[in-house]
Amino acid sequence: MNAKRRQILLLSALMLSVLATVLVSRREDQDDQLSTAITRVSSGPAPTVARRGEAVEAKAILQMAQLRRDAVVVGEQNPFSPKSWYVPPPPPPAPVAEKPGIPPLPFTYVGRVDDADGKWIIYLAKGAQSYVVQAGDTIDNTYRIENIEEGSLVIRYLPMDSKQTLQIGEAL
């Protein structure tokens, strides 16, 4: 492209731009004139309001009151405080109440003696207290000696009606 041709293209683009600007500005002037005419026709009661200065002032105050903003209430929370998305795990379930179990036997085997009738007499100790028992005896209204078997003493815990055994050594 030579310089002459380039210059002609630039000048023609400039002329088109100026022409477009003039056309648009004329159209805006026509729109302004049309809107002014419409405003004049529709503003009939304006002179009567202008005569009353108090009404105009009250209207202006009313409009100013509408422009006022309500006071912004700031909460106690800081909107910029860090937020944690951690959700604590649910609390563990309450422990299930178990049935009361049979307490362990409080007795310790001390010894035994063979009676003249062929019945065994068993010596038991509970702390510092000692007991001499046979089959069928009741201790403290809580334990009953049920049976003396091979190497064990069968004792029934009366409050729960359950049997427990106490090892007493070898078979009798």
Protein backbone atom coordinates (compact mmCIF):
# COMPACT_ATOMS: atom_id res chain seq x y z
CA MET A 1 0.00 0.00 0.00
CA ASN A 2 1.46 3.31 -1.02
CA ALA A 3 1.32 6.51 1.02
CA LYS A 4 -1.18 8.32 -1.24
CA ARG A 5 -3.74 5.56 -1.07
CA ARG A 6 -3.32 5.28 2.70
CA GLN A 7 -3.90 9.02 3.12
CA ILE A 8 -7.13 8.85 1.08
CA LEU A 9 -8.46 5.99 3.23
CA LEU A 10 -7.71 7.82 6.47
CA LEU A 11 -9.39 11.03 5.27
CA SER A 12 -12.48 9.16 4.10
CA ALA A 13 -12.74 7.40 7.49
CA LEU A 14 -12.46 10.79 9.21
CA MET A 15 -15.22 12.25 7.02
CA LEU A 16 -17.53 9.32 7.77
CA SER A 17 -16.92 9.72 11.51
CA VAL A 18 -17.72 13.44 11.43
CA LEU A 19 -20.87 12.81 9.37
CA ALA A 20 -22.10 10.12 11.80
CA THR A 21 -21.49 12.45 14.77
CA VAL A 22 -23.50 15.27 13.19
CA LEU A 23 -26.43 12.98 12.38
CA VAL A 24 -26.57 11.55 15.88
CA SER A 25 -26.41 14.98 17.55
CA ARG A 26 -29.28 16.27 15.38
CA ARG A 27 -31.43 13.29 16.36
CA GLU A 28 -30.70 13.91 20.10
CA ASP A 29 -31.71 17.58 19.70
CA GLN A 30 -35.01 16.50 18.15
CA ASP A 31 -35.63 14.06 21.04
CA ASP A 32 -34.90 16.81 23.60
CA GLN A 33 -37.34 19.20 21.89
CA LEU A 34 -40.03 16.51 21.84
CA SER A 35 -39.62 15.69 25.55
CA THR A 36 -39.74 19.40 26.47
CA ALA A 37 -43.02 19.81 24.56
CA ILE A 38 -44.53 16.81 26.33
CA THR A 39 -43.46 18.18 29.71
CA ARG A 40 -45.04 21.58 29.00
CA VAL A 41 -48.37 20.03 28.03
CA SER A 42 -48.57 17.73 31.07
CA SER A 43 -47.47 20.25 33.72
CA GLY A 44 -50.71 22.19 34.08
CA PRO A 45 -51.09 22.48 37.89
CA ALA A 46 -47.48 23.52 38.46
CA PRO A 47 -48.17 27.29 38.63
CA THR A 48 -50.74 26.87 41.43
CA VAL A 49 -48.33 24.88 43.56
CA ALA A 50 -45.60 27.43 42.96
CA ARG A 51 -47.82 30.16 44.43
CA ARG A 52 -48.03 28.37 47.73
CA GLY A 53 -44.55 28.47 49.15
CA GLU A 54 -45.46 26.42 52.19
CA ALA A 55 -46.74 23.51 50.11
CA VAL A 56 -43.57 23.47 48.03
CA GLU A 57 -41.44 23.56 51.17
CA ALA A 58 -43.47 20.75 52.80
CA LYS A 59 -43.15 18.68 49.65
CA ALA A 60 -39.40 19.26 49.59
CA ILE A 61 -39.12 18.22 53.26
CA LEU A 62 -41.18 15.14 52.55
CA GLN A 63 -38.93 14.23 49.65
CA MET A 64 -35.84 14.80 51.81
CA ALA A 65 -37.32 12.57 54.53
CA GLN A 66 -37.76 9.83 51.97
CA LEU A 67 -34.12 10.16 51.00
CA ARG A 68 -32.89 9.62 54.55
CA ARG A 69 -31.59 6.24 55.39
CA ASP A 70 -32.48 4.32 58.52
CA ALA A 71 -29.65 3.82 60.92
CA VAL A 72 -27.76 0.63 60.28
CA VAL A 73 -28.01 -1.66 63.26
CA VAL A 74 -24.76 -3.43 63.89
CA GLY A 75 -25.16 -6.80 65.56
CA GLU A 76 -22.92 -8.12 68.23
CA GLN A 77 -21.36 -10.58 65.81
CA ASN A 78 -18.39 -9.48 63.85
CA PRO A 79 -19.09 -10.26 60.18
CA PHE A 80 -15.37 -10.55 59.56
CA SER A 81 -14.62 -13.00 62.34
CA PRO A 82 -13.28 -16.37 61.18
CA LYS A 83 -15.90 -19.06 60.69
CA SER A 84 -15.21 -22.67 61.45
CA TRP A 85 -17.12 -25.30 59.51
CA TYR A 86 -16.14 -27.98 62.03
CA VAL A 87 -19.16 -29.86 63.27
CA PRO A 88 -18.53 -31.63 66.57
CA PRO A 89 -19.33 -35.34 66.55
CA PRO A 90 -22.51 -36.38 68.27
CA PRO A 91 -22.13 -37.28 71.92
CA PRO A 92 -21.52 -40.94 72.60
CA PRO A 93 -24.60 -42.94 73.46
CA ALA A 94 -25.39 -43.30 77.11
CA PRO A 95 -24.02 -46.50 78.56
CA VAL A 96 -26.59 -49.22 78.80
CA ALA A 97 -27.29 -50.15 82.37
CA GLU A 98 -26.26 -53.75 82.73
CA LYS A 99 -28.12 -56.14 84.91
CA PRO A 100 -26.44 -56.37 88.24
CA GLY A 101 -24.17 -59.34 88.16
CA ILE A 102 -23.60 -61.88 90.83
CA PRO A 103 -20.99 -60.61 93.24
CA PRO A 104 -17.91 -62.77 93.61
CA LEU A 105 -17.93 -65.12 96.54
CA PRO A 106 -16.58 -63.35 99.62
CA PHE A 107 -15.50 -66.63 101.20
CA THR A 108 -12.15 -68.35 101.19
CA TYR A 109 -11.78 -72.04 101.83
CA VAL A 110 -9.89 -72.76 105.08
CA GLY A 111 -10.33 -76.51 105.49
CA ARG A 112 -12.66 -79.48 106.00
CA VAL A 113 -13.32 -82.20 108.51
CA ASP A 114 -15.12 -85.52 108.07
CA ASP A 115 -17.93 -85.85 110.65
CA ALA A 116 -18.67 -89.17 112.41
CA ASP A 117 -21.93 -89.43 110.45
CA GLY A 118 -20.00 -89.26 107.16
CA LYS A 119 -20.93 -85.63 106.48
CA TRP A 120 -18.29 -83.09 105.64
CA ILE A 121 -17.87 -79.98 107.75
CA ILE A 122 -16.36 -77.07 105.78
CA TYR A 123 -14.45 -74.16 107.34
CA LEU A 124 -14.82 -70.85 105.45
CA ALA A 125 -13.48 -67.38 106.18
CA LYS A 126 -14.87 -63.98 105.20
CA GLY A 127 -12.35 -61.32 106.18
CA ALA A 128 -11.72 -61.82 109.94
CA GLN A 129 -14.94 -63.80 110.39
CA SER A 130 -14.95 -67.61 110.15
CA TYR A 131 -17.84 -69.99 109.42
CA VAL A 132 -18.34 -73.71 110.01
CA VAL A 133 -20.92 -74.97 107.47
CA GLN A 134 -22.48 -78.17 106.15
CA ALA A 135 -24.79 -78.85 103.20
CA GLY A 136 -28.12 -77.01 103.73
CA ASP A 137 -26.77 -74.25 106.03
CA THR A 138 -27.48 -70.55 105.35
CA ILE A 139 -24.84 -67.85 105.84
CA ASP A 140 -25.97 -64.29 106.72
CA ASN A 141 -29.37 -64.93 105.04
CA THR A 142 -27.57 -64.33 101.76
CA TYR A 143 -25.79 -67.57 100.86
CA ARG A 144 -26.95 -71.16 101.25
CA ILE A 145 -24.68 -74.19 101.00
CA GLU A 146 -26.41 -76.35 98.40
CA ASN A 147 -24.07 -79.23 97.94
CA ILE A 148 -20.57 -80.47 98.55
CA GLU A 149 -19.38 -82.11 95.34
CA GLU A 150 -16.11 -83.51 94.09
CA GLY A 151 -13.56 -80.84 94.96
CA SER A 152 -16.07 -77.97 94.98
CA LEU A 153 -18.65 -76.39 97.20
CA VAL A 154 -21.92 -75.31 95.50
CA ILE A 155 -23.25 -72.12 97.09
CA ARG A 156 -26.54 -70.42 96.10
CA TYR A 157 -26.69 -66.62 96.18
CA LEU A 158 -30.22 -66.14 97.52
CA PRO A 159 -31.07 -62.56 96.35
CA MET A 160 -30.58 -63.58 92.70
CA ASP A 161 -31.21 -67.29 93.11
CA SER A 162 -28.05 -68.26 91.27
CA LYS A 163 -25.43 -70.89 91.94
CA GLN A 164 -21.73 -70.35 92.43
CA THR A 165 -18.97 -72.80 93.12
CA LEU A 166 -16.00 -72.54 95.42
CA GLN A 167 -13.04 -74.84 94.83
CA ILE A 168 -12.16 -76.71 98.00
CA GLY A 169 -9.38 -78.92 96.75
CA GLU A 170 -9.40 -82.54 95.60
CA ALA A 171 -12.37 -84.83 95.34
CA LEU A 172 -13.79 -85.87 98.70
